[in-house]
PDB file of N, CA and C in Angstrom:
ATOM      1  N   MET A   1      86.917 112.482 -32.615  1.00  0.00           N
ATOM      2  CA  MET A   1      86.235 111.247 -32.971  1.00  0.00           C
ATOM      3  C   MET A   1      86.095 110.374 -31.726  1.00  0.00           C
ATOM      4  N   ASN A   2      84.954 109.850 -31.543  1.00  0.00           N
ATOM      5  CA  ASN A   2      84.634 109.011 -30.404  1.00  0.00           C
ATOM      6  C   ASN A   2      84.878 107.541 -30.769  1.00  0.00           C
ATOM      7  N   LYS A   3      85.222 106.709 -29.789  1.00  0.00           N
ATOM      8  CA  LYS A   3      85.592 105.319 -30.062  1.00  0.00           C
ATOM      9  C   LYS A   3      84.440 104.484 -30.622  1.00  0.00           C
ATOM     10  N   PHE A   4      83.212 104.975 -30.527  1.00  0.00           N
ATOM     11  CA  PHE A   4      82.079 104.247 -31.087  1.00  0.00           C
ATOM     12  C   PHE A   4      81.696 104.744 -32.480  1.00  0.00           C
ATOM     13  N   ASP A   5      82.470 105.677 -33.044  1.00  0.00           N
ATOM     14  CA  ASP A   5      82.160 106.192 -34.368  1.00  0.00           C
ATOM     15  C   ASP A   5      82.246 105.119 -35.446  1.00  0.00           C
ATOM     16  N   LYS A   6      83.114 104.139 -35.274  1.00  0.00           N
ATOM     17  CA  LYS A   6      83.243 103.058 -36.249  1.00  0.00           C
ATOM     18  C   LYS A   6      83.262 101.724 -35.518  1.00  0.00           C
ATOM     19  N   PHE A   7      82.204 101.449 -34.772  1.00  0.00           N
ATOM     20  CA  PHE A   7      82.117 100.212 -34.014  1.00  0.00           C
ATOM     21  C   PHE A   7      81.833  99.057 -34.960  1.00  0.00           C
ATOM     22  N   ARG A   8      82.729  98.082 -34.991  1.00  0.00           N
ATOM     23  CA  ARG A   8      82.570  96.897 -35.832  1.00  0.00           C
ATOM     24  C   ARG A   8      82.716  95.654 -34.965  1.00  0.00           C
ATOM     25  N   ASN A   9      81.843  94.664 -35.192  1.00  0.00           N
ATOM     26  CA  ASN A   9      81.906  93.425 -34.447  1.00  0.00           C
ATOM     27  C   ASN A   9      81.303  92.313 -35.306  1.00  0.00           C
ATOM     28  N   LYS A  10      82.135  91.433 -35.818  1.00  0.00           N
ATOM     29  CA  LYS A  10      81.684  90.348 -36.700  1.00  0.00           C
ATOM     30  C   LYS A  10      80.742  89.389 -35.994  1.00  0.00           C
ATOM     31  N   LYS A  11      80.943  89.214 -34.701  1.00  0.00           N
ATOM     32  CA  LYS A  11      80.124  88.273 -33.944  1.00  0.00           C
ATOM     33  C   LYS A  11      78.659  88.714 -33.894  1.00  0.00           C
ATOM     34  N   ILE A  12      78.433  89.995 -33.632  1.00  0.00           N
ATOM     35  CA  ILE A  12      77.048  90.491 -33.552  1.00  0.00           C
ATOM     36  C   ILE A  12      76.370  90.422 -34.923  1.00  0.00           C
ATOM     37  N   LEU A  13      77.143  90.597 -35.982  1.00  0.00           N
ATOM     38  CA  LEU A  13      76.589  90.460 -37.328  1.00  0.00           C
ATOM     39  C   LEU A  13      76.257  88.994 -37.615  1.00  0.00           C
ATOM     40  N   ALA A  14      77.139  88.085 -37.191  1.00  0.00           N
ATOM     41  CA  ALA A  14      76.959  86.650 -37.448  1.00  0.00           C
ATOM     42  C   ALA A  14      75.761  86.066 -36.708  1.00  0.00           C
ATOM     43  N   PHE A  15      75.356  86.678 -35.601  1.00  0.00           N
ATOM     44  CA  PHE A  15      74.187  86.184 -34.871  1.00  0.00           C
ATOM     45  C   PHE A  15      72.925  86.205 -35.730  1.00  0.00           C
ATOM     46  N   ALA A  16      72.923  86.962 -36.797  1.00  0.00           N
ATOM     47  CA  ALA A  16      71.763  87.008 -37.690  1.00  0.00           C
ATOM     48  C   ALA A  16      71.434  85.614 -38.211  1.00  0.00           C
ATOM     49  N   LYS A  17      72.458  84.793 -38.430  1.00  0.00           N
ATOM     50  CA  LYS A  17      72.240  83.429 -38.934  1.00  0.00           C
ATOM     51  C   LYS A  17      71.479  82.581 -37.927  1.00  0.00           C
ATOM     52  N   GLU A  18      71.551  82.943 -36.644  1.00  0.00           N
ATOM     53  CA  GLU A  18      70.881  82.189 -35.588  1.00  0.00           C
ATOM     54  C   GLU A  18      69.496  82.734 -35.260  1.00  0.00           C
ATOM     55  N   SER A  19      69.173  83.893 -35.795  1.00  0.00           N
ATOM     56  CA  SER A  19      67.867  84.499 -35.524  1.00  0.00           C
ATOM     57  C   SER A  19      66.767  83.553 -36.026  1.00  0.00           C
ATOM     58  N   PRO A  20      65.755  83.303 -35.215  1.00  0.00           N
ATOM     59  CA  PRO A  20      64.720  82.347 -35.627  1.00  0.00           C
ATOM     60  C   PRO A  20      63.806  82.865 -36.738  1.00  0.00           C
ATOM     61  N   TYR A  21      63.736  84.187 -36.879  1.00  0.00           N
ATOM     62  CA  TYR A  21      62.828  84.785 -37.859  1.00  0.00           C
ATOM     63  C   TYR A  21      63.245  86.228 -38.143  1.00  0.00           C
ATOM     64  N   CYS A  22      62.618  86.812 -39.150  1.00  0.00           N
ATOM     65  CA  CYS A  22      62.825  88.225 -39.488  1.00  0.00           C
ATOM     66  C   CYS A  22      62.271  89.065 -38.344  1.00  0.00           C
ATOM     67  N   MET A  23      63.060  90.018 -37.856  1.00  0.00           N
ATOM     68  CA  MET A  23      62.668  90.823 -36.707  1.00  0.00           C
ATOM     69  C   MET A  23      61.752  91.999 -37.069  1.00  0.00           C
ATOM     70  N   ASN A  24      61.410  92.133 -38.344  1.00  0.00           N
ATOM     71  CA  ASN A  24      60.419  93.125 -38.748  1.00  0.00           C
ATOM     72  C   ASN A  24      59.081  92.642 -38.199  1.00  0.00           C
ATOM     73  N   PRO A  25      58.447  93.411 -37.297  1.00  0.00           N
ATOM     74  CA  PRO A  25      57.199  92.946 -36.688  1.00  0.00           C
ATOM     75  C   PRO A  25      56.060  92.764 -37.696  1.00  0.00           C
ATOM     76  N   MET A  26      56.192  93.336 -38.883  1.00  0.00           N
ATOM     77  CA  MET A  26      55.155  93.182 -39.899  1.00  0.00           C
ATOM     78  C   MET A  26      55.458  92.015 -40.838  1.00  0.00           C
ATOM     79  N   CYS A  27      56.552  91.309 -40.593  1.00  0.00           N
ATOM     80  CA  CYS A  27      56.943  90.184 -41.445  1.00  0.00           C
ATOM     81  C   CYS A  27      57.006  88.908 -40.605  1.00  0.00           C
ATOM     82  N   GLY A  28      58.089  88.721 -39.850  1.00  0.00           N
ATOM     83  CA  GLY A  28      58.224  87.552 -38.998  1.00  0.00           C
ATOM     84  C   GLY A  28      58.505  86.252 -39.727  1.00  0.00           C
ATOM     85  N   LYS A  29      58.939  86.346 -40.989  1.00  0.00           N
ATOM     86  CA  LYS A  29      59.246  85.157 -41.792  1.00  0.00           C
ATOM     87  C   LYS A  29      60.292  84.297 -41.091  1.00  0.00           C
ATOM     88  N   ASP A  30      60.086  82.978 -41.084  1.00  0.00           N
ATOM     89  CA  ASP A  30      61.053  82.054 -40.499  1.00  0.00           C
ATOM     90  C   ASP A  30      62.399  82.188 -41.190  1.00  0.00           C
ATOM     91  N   ASN A  31      63.458  81.950 -40.433  1.00  0.00           N
ATOM     92  CA  ASN A  31      64.810  82.018 -40.986  1.00  0.00           C
ATOM     93  C   ASN A  31      65.087  80.753 -41.791  1.00  0.00           C
ATOM     94  N   ASN A  32      65.168  80.927 -43.084  1.00  0.00           N
ATOM     95  CA  ASN A  32      65.520  79.840 -43.998  1.00  0.00           C
ATOM     96  C   ASN A  32      66.901  80.087 -44.568  1.00  0.00           C
ATOM     97  N   GLY A  33      67.763  80.678 -43.748  1.00  0.00           N
ATOM     98  CA  GLY A  33      69.120  80.973 -44.189  1.00  0.00           C
ATOM     99  C   GLY A  33      69.264  82.306 -44.895  1.00  0.00           C
ATOM    100  N   ASP A  34      68.202  83.112 -44.873  1.00  0.00           N
ATOM    101  CA  ASP A  34      68.269  84.398 -45.576  1.00  0.00           C
ATOM    102  C   ASP A  34      68.181  85.608 -44.651  1.00  0.00           C
ATOM    103  N   ILE A  35      68.326  85.406 -43.345  1.00  0.00           N
ATOM    104  CA  ILE A  35      68.302  86.523 -42.397  1.00  0.00           C
ATOM    105  C   ILE A  35      69.692  87.151 -42.344  1.00  0.00           C
ATOM    106  N   VAL A  36      69.726  88.467 -42.461  1.00  0.00           N
ATOM    107  CA  VAL A  36      70.992  89.209 -42.442  1.00  0.00           C
ATOM    108  C   VAL A  36      70.905  90.350 -41.439  1.00  0.00           C
ATOM    109  N   ALA A  37      72.059  90.867 -41.065  1.00  0.00           N
ATOM    110  CA  ALA A  37      72.123  92.031 -40.182  1.00  0.00           C
ATOM    111  C   ALA A  37      72.025  93.282 -41.055  1.00  0.00           C
ATOM    112  N   ALA A  38      70.902  93.940 -40.994  1.00  0.00           N
ATOM    113  CA  ALA A  38      70.683  95.168 -41.766  1.00  0.00           C
ATOM    114  C   ALA A  38      71.029  96.366 -40.886  1.00  0.00           C
ATOM    115  N   HIS A  39      71.888  97.225 -41.378  1.00  0.00           N
ATOM    116  CA  HIS A  39      72.304  98.407 -40.617  1.00  0.00           C
ATOM    117  C   HIS A  39      71.251  99.509 -40.705  1.00  0.00           C
ATOM    118  N   LEU A  40      71.064 100.222 -39.599  1.00  0.00           N
ATOM    119  CA  LEU A  40      70.155 101.363 -39.568  1.00  0.00           C
ATOM    120  C   LEU A  40      70.889 102.536 -40.193  1.00  0.00           C
ATOM    121  N   ASN A  41      70.788 102.662 -41.483  1.00  0.00           N
ATOM    122  CA  ASN A  41      71.593 103.630 -42.220  1.00  0.00           C
ATOM    123  C   ASN A  41      71.159 105.070 -42.049  1.00  0.00           C
ATOM    124  N   PHE A  42      70.068 105.305 -41.341  1.00  0.00           N
ATOM    125  CA  PHE A  42      69.704 106.697 -41.082  1.00  0.00           C
ATOM    126  C   PHE A  42      70.408 107.217 -39.840  1.00  0.00           C
ATOM    127  N   GLU A  43      71.119 106.332 -39.113  1.00  0.00           N
ATOM    128  CA  GLU A  43      71.897 106.773 -37.947  1.00  0.00           C
ATOM    129  C   GLU A  43      72.965 107.769 -38.393  1.00  0.00           C
ATOM    130  N   LYS A  44      73.631 107.464 -39.482  1.00  0.00           N
ATOM    131  CA  LYS A  44      74.611 108.351 -40.115  1.00  0.00           C
ATOM    132  C   LYS A  44      74.213 108.392 -41.574  1.00  0.00           C
ATOM    133  N   SER A  45      74.632 109.399 -42.273  1.00  0.00           N
ATOM    134  CA  SER A  45      74.272 109.449 -43.677  1.00  0.00           C
ATOM    135  C   SER A  45      74.955 108.300 -44.408  1.00  0.00           C
ATOM    136  N   LYS A  46      74.181 107.613 -45.213  1.00  0.00           N
ATOM    137  CA  LYS A  46      74.706 106.488 -45.978  1.00  0.00           C
ATOM    138  C   LYS A  46      75.373 107.044 -47.226  1.00  0.00           C
ATOM    139  N   GLY A  47      76.554 106.614 -47.455  1.00  0.00           N
ATOM    140  CA  GLY A  47      77.269 107.050 -48.642  1.00  0.00           C
ATOM    141  C   GLY A  47      78.371 106.073 -48.950  1.00  0.00           C
ATOM    142  N   MET A  48      79.113 106.341 -49.988  1.00  0.00           N
ATOM    143  CA  MET A  48      80.180 105.444 -50.374  1.00  0.00           C
ATOM    144  C   MET A  48      81.190 105.280 -49.234  1.00  0.00           C
ATOM    145  N   GLY A  49      81.405 104.035 -48.845  1.00  0.00           N
ATOM    146  CA  GLY A  49      82.382 103.754 -47.803  1.00  0.00           C
ATOM    147  C   GLY A  49      81.906 104.030 -46.387  1.00  0.00           C
ATOM    148  N   THR A  50      80.636 104.401 -46.211  1.00  0.00           N
ATOM    149  CA  THR A  50      80.134 104.655 -44.865  1.00  0.00           C
ATOM    150  C   THR A  50      79.024 103.666 -44.548  1.00  0.00           C
ATOM    151  N   LYS A  51      78.936 103.314 -43.323  1.00  0.00           N
ATOM    152  CA  LYS A  51      77.906 102.388 -42.869  1.00  0.00           C
ATOM    153  C   LYS A  51      77.671 102.666 -41.399  1.00  0.00           C
ATOM    154  N   ALA A  52      76.457 102.433 -40.956  1.00  0.00           N
ATOM    155  CA  ALA A  52      76.137 102.606 -39.541  1.00  0.00           C
ATOM    156  C   ALA A  52      76.959 101.618 -38.714  1.00  0.00           C
ATOM    157  N   ASN A  53      77.076 101.891 -37.444  1.00  0.00           N
ATOM    158  CA  ASN A  53      77.808 101.021 -36.528  1.00  0.00           C
ATOM    159  C   ASN A  53      77.131  99.656 -36.417  1.00  0.00           C
ATOM    160  N   ASP A  54      77.930  98.642 -36.060  1.00  0.00           N
ATOM    161  CA  ASP A  54      77.402  97.290 -35.951  1.00  0.00           C
ATOM    162  C   ASP A  54      76.493  97.090 -34.743  1.00  0.00           C
ATOM    163  N   TYR A  55      76.403  98.060 -33.850  1.00  0.00           N
ATOM    164  CA  TYR A  55      75.423  97.955 -32.766  1.00  0.00           C
ATOM    165  C   TYR A  55      74.072  98.517 -33.197  1.00  0.00           C
ATOM    166  N   SER A  56      73.995  99.072 -34.395  1.00  0.00           N
ATOM    167  CA  SER A  56      72.749  99.619 -34.936  1.00  0.00           C
ATOM    168  C   SER A  56      72.272  98.732 -36.078  1.00  0.00           C
ATOM    169  N   ILE A  57      71.787  97.550 -35.709  1.00  0.00           N
ATOM    170  CA  ILE A  57      71.386  96.573 -36.719  1.00  0.00           C
ATOM    171  C   ILE A  57      70.029  95.968 -36.368  1.00  0.00           C
ATOM    172  N   ALA A  58      69.418  95.407 -37.395  1.00  0.00           N
ATOM    173  CA  ALA A  58      68.192  94.634 -37.222  1.00  0.00           C
ATOM    174  C   ALA A  58      68.345  93.392 -38.082  1.00  0.00           C
ATOM    175  N   TYR A  59      67.940  92.249 -37.551  1.00  0.00           N
ATOM    176  CA  TYR A  59      68.019  91.007 -38.306  1.00  0.00           C
ATOM    177  C   TYR A  59      66.765  90.888 -39.169  1.00  0.00           C
ATOM    178  N   LEU A  60      66.970  91.012 -40.479  1.00  0.00           N
ATOM    179  CA  LEU A  60      65.862  91.034 -41.435  1.00  0.00           C
ATOM    180  C   LEU A  60      66.036  89.980 -42.517  1.00  0.00           C
ATOM    181  N   CYS A  61      64.909  89.510 -43.061  1.00  0.00           N
ATOM    182  CA  CYS A  61      64.966  88.621 -44.217  1.00  0.00           C
ATOM    183  C   CYS A  61      65.419  89.450 -45.420  1.00  0.00           C
ATOM    184  N   SER A  62      65.827  88.772 -46.465  1.00  0.00           N
ATOM    185  CA  SER A  62      66.364  89.481 -47.628  1.00  0.00           C
ATOM    186  C   SER A  62      65.330  90.432 -48.245  1.00  0.00           C
ATOM    187  N   LYS A  63      64.065  90.048 -48.252  1.00  0.00           N
ATOM    188  CA  LYS A  63      63.017  90.904 -48.820  1.00  0.00           C
ATOM    189  C   LYS A  63      62.869  92.207 -48.010  1.00  0.00           C
ATOM    190  N   CYS A  64      62.801  92.085 -46.693  1.00  0.00           N
ATOM    191  CA  CYS A  64      62.662  93.280 -45.840  1.00  0.00           C
ATOM    192  C   CYS A  64      63.915  94.146 -45.911  1.00  0.00           C
ATOM    193  N   HIS A  65      65.079  93.512 -46.013  1.00  0.00           N
ATOM    194  CA  HIS A  65      66.323  94.268 -46.119  1.00  0.00           C
ATOM    195  C   HIS A  65      66.327  95.129 -47.386  1.00  0.00           C
ATOM    196  N   ILE A  66      65.891  94.563 -48.485  1.00  0.00           N
ATOM    197  CA  ILE A  66      65.816  95.327 -49.744  1.00  0.00           C
ATOM    198  C   ILE A  66      64.825  96.475 -49.610  1.00  0.00           C
ATOM    199  N   ILE A  67      63.680  96.213 -48.983  1.00  0.00           N
ATOM    200  CA  ILE A  67      62.658  97.258 -48.825  1.00  0.00           C
ATOM    201  C   ILE A  67      63.218  98.443 -48.048  1.00  0.00           C
ATOM    202  N   VAL A  68      63.891  98.189 -46.927  1.00  0.00           N
ATOM    203  CA  VAL A  68      64.398  99.309 -46.130  1.00  0.00           C
ATOM    204  C   VAL A  68      65.649  99.940 -46.738  1.00  0.00           C
ATOM    205  N   ASP A  69      66.448  99.144 -47.432  1.00  0.00           N
ATOM    206  CA  ASP A  69      67.663  99.693 -48.044  1.00  0.00           C
ATOM    207  C   ASP A  69      67.340 100.529 -49.279  1.00  0.00           C
ATOM    208  N   GLU A  70      66.442 100.021 -50.095  1.00  0.00           N
ATOM    209  CA  GLU A  70      66.119 100.709 -51.351  1.00  0.00           C
ATOM    210  C   GLU A  70      64.908 101.621 -51.221  1.00  0.00           C
ATOM    211  N   GLY A  71      64.109 101.417 -50.197  1.00  0.00           N
ATOM    212  CA  GLY A  71      62.953 102.272 -49.963  1.00  0.00           C
ATOM    213  C   GLY A  71      61.773 102.014 -50.877  1.00  0.00           C
ATOM    214  N   TYR A  72      61.690 100.820 -51.464  1.00  0.00           N
ATOM    215  CA  TYR A  72      60.587 100.499 -52.373  1.00  0.00           C
ATOM    216  C   TYR A  72      59.247 100.613 -51.667  1.00  0.00           C
ATOM    217  N   GLY A  73      58.422 101.521 -52.116  1.00  0.00           N
ATOM    218  CA  GLY A  73      57.065 101.670 -51.617  1.00  0.00           C
ATOM    219  C   GLY A  73      56.947 102.096 -50.167  1.00  0.00           C
ATOM    220  N   ILE A  74      57.974 102.727 -49.639  1.00  0.00           N
ATOM    221  CA  ILE A  74      57.927 103.126 -48.229  1.00  0.00           C
ATOM    222  C   ILE A  74      58.579 104.501 -48.081  1.00  0.00           C
ATOM    223  N   ASN A  75      57.907 105.394 -47.368  1.00  0.00           N
ATOM    224  CA  ASN A  75      58.489 106.727 -47.181  1.00  0.00           C
ATOM    225  C   ASN A  75      59.494 106.697 -46.026  1.00  0.00           C
ATOM    226  N   MET A  76      60.278 107.736 -45.895  1.00  0.00           N
ATOM    227  CA  MET A  76      61.359 107.776 -44.911  1.00  0.00           C
ATOM    228  C   MET A  76      60.850 107.622 -43.478  1.00  0.00           C
ATOM    229  N   GLU A  77      59.737 108.252 -43.159  1.00  0.00           N
ATOM    230  CA  GLU A  77      59.186 108.157 -41.804  1.00  0.00           C
ATOM    231  C   GLU A  77      58.790 106.716 -41.473  1.00  0.00           C
ATOM    232  N   ASP A  78      58.113 106.033 -42.402  1.00  0.00           N
ATOM    233  CA  ASP A  78      57.714 104.643 -42.194  1.00  0.00           C
ATOM    234  C   ASP A  78      58.937 103.721 -42.155  1.00  0.00           C
ATOM    235  N   LYS A  79      59.932 104.037 -42.974  1.00  0.00           N
ATOM    236  CA  LYS A  79      61.168 103.249 -42.989  1.00  0.00           C
ATOM    237  C   LYS A  79      61.860 103.330 -41.626  1.00  0.00           C
ATOM    238  N   LYS A  80      61.949 104.529 -41.069  1.00  0.00           N
ATOM    239  CA  LYS A  80      62.569 104.694 -39.745  1.00  0.00           C
ATOM    240  C   LYS A  80      61.795 103.935 -38.679  1.00  0.00           C
ATOM    241  N   GLU A  81      60.474 104.025 -38.710  1.00  0.00           N
ATOM    242  CA  GLU A  81      59.630 103.322 -37.748  1.00  0.00           C
ATOM    243  C   GLU A  81      59.828 101.812 -37.850  1.00  0.00           C
ATOM    244  N   LEU A  82      59.826 101.286 -39.064  1.00  0.00           N
ATOM    245  CA  LEU A  82      60.025  99.855 -39.289  1.00  0.00           C
ATOM    246  C   LEU A  82      61.393  99.414 -38.782  1.00  0.00           C
ATOM    247  N   MET A  83      62.429 100.185 -39.088  1.00  0.00           N
ATOM    248  CA  MET A  83      63.777  99.815 -38.661  1.00  0.00           C
ATOM    249  C   MET A  83      63.940  99.919 -37.147  1.00  0.00           C
ATOM    250  N   LEU A  84      63.356 100.929 -36.533  1.00  0.00           N
ATOM    251  CA  LEU A  84      63.462 101.054 -35.080  1.00  0.00           C
ATOM    252  C   LEU A  84      62.763  99.900 -34.358  1.00  0.00           C
ATOM    253  N   ARG A  85      61.589  99.524 -34.834  1.00  0.00           N
ATOM    254  CA  ARG A  85      60.878  98.391 -34.225  1.00  0.00           C
ATOM    255  C   ARG A  85      61.658  97.094 -34.436  1.00  0.00           C
ATOM    256  N   SER A  86      62.219  96.932 -35.629  1.00  0.00           N
ATOM    257  CA  SER A  86      63.020  95.741 -35.936  1.00  0.00           C
ATOM    258  C   SER A  86      64.290  95.713 -35.090  1.00  0.00           C
ATOM    259  N   PHE A  87      64.910  96.877 -34.914  1.00  0.00           N
ATOM    260  CA  PHE A  87      66.101  97.000 -34.071  1.00  0.00           C
ATOM    261  C   PHE A  87      65.779  96.586 -32.633  1.00  0.00           C
ATOM    262  N   LEU A  88      64.676  97.102 -32.095  1.00  0.00           N
ATOM    263  CA  LEU A  88      64.289  96.764 -30.718  1.00  0.00           C
ATOM    264  C   LEU A  88      64.008  95.271 -30.572  1.00  0.00           C
ATOM    265  N   ASN A  89      63.348  94.673 -31.560  1.00  0.00           N
ATOM    266  CA  ASN A  89      63.100  93.231 -31.519  1.00  0.00           C
ATOM    267  C   ASN A  89      64.416  92.454 -31.552  1.00  0.00           C
ATOM    268  N   THR A  90      65.359  92.923 -32.338  1.00  0.00           N
ATOM    269  CA  THR A  90      66.668  92.267 -32.448  1.00  0.00           C
ATOM    270  C   THR A  90      67.413  92.341 -31.123  1.00  0.00           C
ATOM    271  N   ILE A  91      67.471  93.533 -30.536  1.00  0.00           N
ATOM    272  CA  ILE A  91      68.173  93.708 -29.260  1.00  0.00           C
ATOM    273  C   ILE A  91      67.502  92.874 -28.172  1.00  0.00           C
ATOM    274  N   ARG A  92      66.182  92.868 -28.149  1.00  0.00           N
ATOM    275  CA  ARG A  92      65.436  92.058 -27.168  1.00  0.00           C
ATOM    276  C   ARG A  92      65.820  90.587 -27.318  1.00  0.00           C
ATOM    277  N   TRP A  93      65.816  90.070 -28.545  1.00  0.00           N
ATOM    278  CA  TRP A  93      66.164  88.672 -28.796  1.00  0.00           C
ATOM    279  C   TRP A  93      67.606  88.381 -28.363  1.00  0.00           C
ATOM    280  N   LEU A  94      68.532  89.294 -28.673  1.00  0.00           N
ATOM    281  CA  LEU A  94      69.930  89.101 -28.283  1.00  0.00           C
ATOM    282  C   LEU A  94      70.078  88.991 -26.766  1.00  0.00           C
ATOM    283  N   PHE A  95      69.370  89.836 -26.013  1.00  0.00           N
ATOM    284  CA  PHE A  95      69.440  89.781 -24.552  1.00  0.00           C
ATOM    285  C   PHE A  95      68.719  88.547 -23.996  1.00  0.00           C
ATOM    286  N   LEU A  96      67.507  88.278 -24.474  1.00  0.00           N
ATOM    287  CA  LEU A  96      66.730  87.161 -23.928  1.00  0.00           C
ATOM    288  C   LEU A  96      67.379  85.805 -24.181  1.00  0.00           C
ATOM    289  N   THR A  97      68.147  85.694 -25.241  1.00  0.00           N
ATOM    290  CA  THR A  97      68.816  84.426 -25.561  1.00  0.00           C
ATOM    291  C   THR A  97      70.225  84.356 -24.981  1.00  0.00           C
ATOM    292  N   GLY A  98      70.658  85.413 -24.299  1.00  0.00           N
ATOM    293  CA  GLY A  98      71.974  85.412 -23.674  1.00  0.00           C
ATOM    294  C   GLY A  98      73.130  85.678 -24.628  1.00  0.00           C
ATOM    295  N   ARG A  99      72.831  86.027 -25.859  1.00  0.00           N
ATOM    296  CA  ARG A  99      73.894  86.334 -26.813  1.00  0.00           C
ATOM    297  C   ARG A  99      74.538  87.692 -26.518  1.00  0.00           C
ATOM    298  N   LEU A 100      73.763  88.565 -25.935  1.00  0.00           N
ATOM    299  CA  LEU A 100      74.241  89.877 -25.518  1.00  0.00           C
ATOM    300  C   LEU A 100      73.915  90.007 -24.039  1.00  0.00           C
ATOM    301  N   LYS A 101      74.912  90.319 -23.236  1.00  0.00           N
ATOM    302  CA  LYS A 101      74.672  90.412 -21.798  1.00  0.00           C
ATOM    303  C   LYS A 101      75.505  91.514 -21.176  1.00  0.00           C
ATOM    304  N   VAL A 102      75.017  91.989 -20.073  1.00  0.00           N
ATOM    305  CA  VAL A 102      75.728  93.012 -19.313  1.00  0.00           C
ATOM    306  C   VAL A 102      76.636  92.286 -18.342  1.00  0.00           C
ATOM    307  N   ASP A 103      77.877  92.671 -18.349  1.00  0.00           N
ATOM    308  CA  ASP A 103      78.863  92.054 -17.469  1.00  0.00           C
ATOM    309  C   ASP A 103      79.476  93.167 -16.640  1.00  0.00           C
ATOM    310  N   LYS A 104      79.210  93.148 -15.347  1.00  0.00           N
ATOM    311  CA  LYS A 104      79.707  94.198 -14.465  1.00  0.00           C
ATOM    312  C   LYS A 104      81.220  94.354 -14.639  1.00  0.00           C
ATOM    313  N   GLY A 105      81.623  95.579 -14.839  1.00  0.00           N
ATOM    314  CA  GLY A 105      83.052  95.874 -14.991  1.00  0.00           C
ATOM    315  C   GLY A 105      83.513  95.921 -16.438  1.00  0.00           C
ATOM    316  N   LYS A 106      82.650  95.469 -17.352  1.00  0.00           N
ATOM    317  CA  LYS A 106      82.995  95.534 -18.772  1.00  0.00           C
ATOM    318  C   LYS A 106      81.982  96.428 -19.475  1.00  0.00           C
ATOM    319  N   LYS A 107      82.421  97.055 -20.546  1.00  0.00           N
ATOM    320  CA  LYS A 107      81.541  97.954 -21.271  1.00  0.00           C
ATOM    321  C   LYS A 107      80.571  97.196 -22.153  1.00  0.00           C
ATOM    322  N   TYR A 108      80.988  96.071 -22.717  1.00  0.00           N
ATOM    323  CA  TYR A 108      80.113  95.219 -23.496  1.00  0.00           C
ATOM    324  C   TYR A 108      80.714  93.823 -23.542  1.00  0.00           C
ATOM    325  N   ASN A 109      79.857  92.866 -23.819  1.00  0.00           N
ATOM    326  CA  ASN A 109      80.311  91.483 -23.848  1.00  0.00           C
ATOM    327  C   ASN A 109      79.557  90.741 -24.939  1.00  0.00           C
ATOM    328  N   PHE A 110      80.258  90.227 -25.925  1.00  0.00           N
ATOM    329  CA  PHE A 110      79.639  89.432 -27.002  1.00  0.00           C
ATOM    330  C   PHE A 110      80.190  88.036 -26.958  1.00  0.00           C
TER     331      PHE A 110
END
């Protein structure tokens, strides 16, 4: 087992509350207190007691989170594409706002 197999970090999840909008590029709804950290559950198989790592998240509004979690009206290929684009937007926002930064000599810094 690798040390990143169960990566958990409450701080990176909590940053969702500070996200200005839903990171789904097809949504972009303003954050009215309903943005959450949605895990990319196709990274590992989703099942009882399992969840993707906390570094595999996208900040989504509650509506988009339900769509990707439950798959309403979206096939698996489109779901993966939507989540990957949302993930990239989330990571970009985290870096551009200084919430996530590279610190020489450290593996990660939150």
